[in-house]
Amino acid sequence: MLVAVIVLAVAGTTLLFLAGLVAYSRRQTRRYLLITVVLGLLVGRSVVGLGTVLGAVPMTAHHLVEHGFDFLIAVLILYAVYRSGPEQTTQSVGTTDD
């Protein structure tokens, strides 16, 4: 049962990653690239989990890789949020702020 759930997680995150690639290819902005990288890390995280369950990835490596990916995902999301801060607005000459 656990293997089936992890296989579904790999399939789901892979589909999300492919959708992210399509979105990035259309927009080609840094924000879309960051989102695509995060989705790729989620795929890698799921693959490592599957490898651990199947005995291909030792538990120590599993923890190092997955927690490392968790950290990278958090950093990239926070960076994307930081970079997307409030838009700069310019005022026309002769207008006032009420």
C-alpha atoms as a PDB file:
ATOM      1  CA  MET A   1       0.000   0.000   0.000  1.00  0.00           C
ATOM      2  CA  LEU A   2       2.807   2.428   0.884  1.00  0.00           C
ATOM      3  CA  VAL A   3       4.543   1.788  -2.446  1.00  0.00           C
ATOM      4  CA  ALA A   4       1.299   2.521  -4.307  1.00  0.00           C
ATOM      5  CA  VAL A   5       0.851   5.818  -2.473  1.00  0.00           C
ATOM      6  CA  ILE A   6       4.437   6.868  -3.178  1.00  0.00           C
ATOM      7  CA  VAL A   7       4.132   5.867  -6.850  1.00  0.00           C
ATOM      8  CA  LEU A   8       1.030   8.094  -7.052  1.00  0.00           C
ATOM      9  CA  ALA A   9       3.002  10.897  -5.396  1.00  0.00           C
ATOM     10  CA  VAL A  10       5.782  10.514  -7.976  1.00  0.00           C
ATOM     11  CA  ALA A  11       3.235  10.525 -10.812  1.00  0.00           C
ATOM     12  CA  GLY A  12       1.383  13.535  -9.404  1.00  0.00           C
ATOM     13  CA  THR A  13       4.466  15.635  -8.758  1.00  0.00           C
ATOM     14  CA  THR A  14       5.831  14.711 -12.194  1.00  0.00           C
ATOM     15  CA  LEU A  15       2.615  15.944 -13.825  1.00  0.00           C
ATOM     16  CA  LEU A  16       2.841  19.179 -11.832  1.00  0.00           C
ATOM     17  CA  PHE A  17       6.475  19.578 -12.849  1.00  0.00           C
ATOM     18  CA  LEU A  18       5.573  19.088 -16.529  1.00  0.00           C
ATOM     19  CA  ALA A  19       2.820  21.695 -16.174  1.00  0.00           C
ATOM     20  CA  GLY A  20       5.402  24.015 -14.612  1.00  0.00           C
ATOM     21  CA  LEU A  21       7.734  23.449 -17.564  1.00  0.00           C
ATOM     22  CA  VAL A  22       4.949  24.341 -19.987  1.00  0.00           C
ATOM     23  CA  ALA A  23       4.107  27.479 -17.998  1.00  0.00           C
ATOM     24  CA  TYR A  24       7.769  28.480 -17.859  1.00  0.00           C
ATOM     25  CA  SER A  25       8.224  27.920 -21.599  1.00  0.00           C
ATOM     26  CA  ARG A  26       5.307  30.281 -22.227  1.00  0.00           C
ATOM     27  CA  ARG A  27       6.212  33.012 -19.727  1.00  0.00           C
ATOM     28  CA  GLN A  28      10.005  32.648 -19.374  1.00  0.00           C
ATOM     29  CA  THR A  29      10.216  34.757 -16.245  1.00  0.00           C
ATOM     30  CA  ARG A  30      12.338  34.199 -13.184  1.00  0.00           C
ATOM     31  CA  ARG A  31       9.244  33.595 -11.043  1.00  0.00           C
ATOM     32  CA  TYR A  32       8.046  30.770 -13.291  1.00  0.00           C
ATOM     33  CA  LEU A  33      11.556  29.305 -13.359  1.00  0.00           C
ATOM     34  CA  LEU A  34      11.663  29.260  -9.538  1.00  0.00           C
ATOM     35  CA  ILE A  35       8.277  27.568  -9.371  1.00  0.00           C
ATOM     36  CA  THR A  36       9.399  24.969 -11.919  1.00  0.00           C
ATOM     37  CA  VAL A  37      12.584  24.270  -9.958  1.00  0.00           C
ATOM     38  CA  VAL A  38      10.548  23.830  -6.757  1.00  0.00           C
ATOM     39  CA  LEU A  39       8.229  21.390  -8.539  1.00  0.00           C
ATOM     40  CA  GLY A  40      11.289  19.503  -9.809  1.00  0.00           C
ATOM     41  CA  LEU A  41      12.601  19.257  -6.253  1.00  0.00           C
ATOM     42  CA  LEU A  42       9.252  17.814  -5.186  1.00  0.00           C
ATOM     43  CA  VAL A  43       9.607  15.152  -7.879  1.00  0.00           C
ATOM     44  CA  GLY A  44      13.117  14.362  -6.642  1.00  0.00           C
ATOM     45  CA  ARG A  45      11.846  14.179  -3.080  1.00  0.00           C
ATOM     46  CA  SER A  46       9.165  11.675  -4.069  1.00  0.00           C
ATOM     47  CA  VAL A  47      11.649   9.589  -6.059  1.00  0.00           C
ATOM     48  CA  VAL A  48      14.007   9.452  -3.057  1.00  0.00           C
ATOM     49  CA  GLY A  49      11.082   8.326  -0.885  1.00  0.00           C
ATOM     50  CA  LEU A  50      10.243   5.570  -3.361  1.00  0.00           C
ATOM     51  CA  GLY A  51      13.891   4.535  -3.493  1.00  0.00           C
ATOM     52  CA  THR A  52      13.974   4.328   0.284  1.00  0.00           C
ATOM     53  CA  VAL A  53      10.867   2.138   0.463  1.00  0.00           C
ATOM     54  CA  LEU A  54      12.298  -0.145  -2.229  1.00  0.00           C
ATOM     55  CA  GLY A  55      15.642  -0.388  -0.415  1.00  0.00           C
ATOM     56  CA  ALA A  56      17.704   1.471  -3.023  1.00  0.00           C
ATOM     57  CA  VAL A  57      18.330   4.575  -0.880  1.00  0.00           C
ATOM     58  CA  PRO A  58      19.720   4.164   2.650  1.00  0.00           C
ATOM     59  CA  MET A  59      17.770   5.874   5.423  1.00  0.00           C
ATOM     60  CA  THR A  60      20.667   8.251   6.213  1.00  0.00           C
ATOM     61  CA  ALA A  61      20.837   9.444   2.611  1.00  0.00           C
ATOM     62  CA  HIS A  62      17.045   9.666   2.554  1.00  0.00           C
ATOM     63  CA  HIS A  63      17.023  12.054   5.504  1.00  0.00           C
ATOM     64  CA  LEU A  64      19.888  14.172   4.186  1.00  0.00           C
ATOM     65  CA  VAL A  65      18.403  14.500   0.704  1.00  0.00           C
ATOM     66  CA  GLU A  66      14.781  15.006   1.709  1.00  0.00           C
ATOM     67  CA  HIS A  67      15.517  17.553   4.445  1.00  0.00           C
ATOM     68  CA  GLY A  68      17.965  19.274   2.118  1.00  0.00           C
ATOM     69  CA  PHE A  69      15.229  19.471  -0.533  1.00  0.00           C
ATOM     70  CA  ASP A  70      12.768  20.763   2.087  1.00  0.00           C
ATOM     71  CA  PHE A  71      15.217  23.549   2.912  1.00  0.00           C
ATOM     72  CA  LEU A  72      15.792  24.415  -0.759  1.00  0.00           C
ATOM     73  CA  ILE A  73      12.057  24.419  -1.459  1.00  0.00           C
ATOM     74  CA  ALA A  74      11.420  26.792   1.460  1.00  0.00           C
ATOM     75  CA  VAL A  75      14.266  29.113   0.414  1.00  0.00           C
ATOM     76  CA  LEU A  76      13.138  29.230  -3.219  1.00  0.00           C
ATOM     77  CA  ILE A  77       9.514  29.899  -2.314  1.00  0.00           C
ATOM     78  CA  LEU A  78      10.490  32.662   0.102  1.00  0.00           C
ATOM     79  CA  TYR A  79      12.804  34.155  -2.528  1.00  0.00           C
ATOM     80  CA  ALA A  80       9.990  34.090  -5.116  1.00  0.00           C
ATOM     81  CA  VAL A  81       7.672  35.815  -2.640  1.00  0.00           C
ATOM     82  CA  TYR A  82      10.358  38.382  -1.782  1.00  0.00           C
ATOM     83  CA  ARG A  83      11.023  39.099  -5.470  1.00  0.00           C
ATOM     84  CA  SER A  84       7.313  39.502  -6.206  1.00  0.00           C
ATOM     85  CA  GLY A  85       6.811  42.239  -3.590  1.00  0.00           C
ATOM     86  CA  PRO A  86       4.541  45.216  -4.224  1.00  0.00           C
ATOM     87  CA  GLU A  87       4.650  46.680  -7.705  1.00  0.00           C
ATOM     88  CA  GLN A  88       6.316  50.028  -8.149  1.00  0.00           C
ATOM     89  CA  THR A  89       3.793  52.620  -9.251  1.00  0.00           C
ATOM     90  CA  THR A  90       4.678  55.898 -10.868  1.00  0.00           C
ATOM     91  CA  GLN A  91       2.579  59.005 -10.612  1.00  0.00           C
ATOM     92  CA  SER A  92       1.909  61.351 -13.467  1.00  0.00           C
ATOM     93  CA  VAL A  93       3.097  64.920 -13.174  1.00  0.00           C
ATOM     94  CA  GLY A  94       0.401  67.101 -11.637  1.00  0.00           C
ATOM     95  CA  THR A  95      -1.413  64.364  -9.705  1.00  0.00           C
ATOM     96  CA  THR A  96      -1.700  64.367  -5.985  1.00  0.00           C
ATOM     97  CA  ASP A  97      -1.903  61.630  -3.399  1.00  0.00           C
ATOM     98  CA  ASP A  98      -5.211  61.834  -1.505  1.00  0.00           C
END
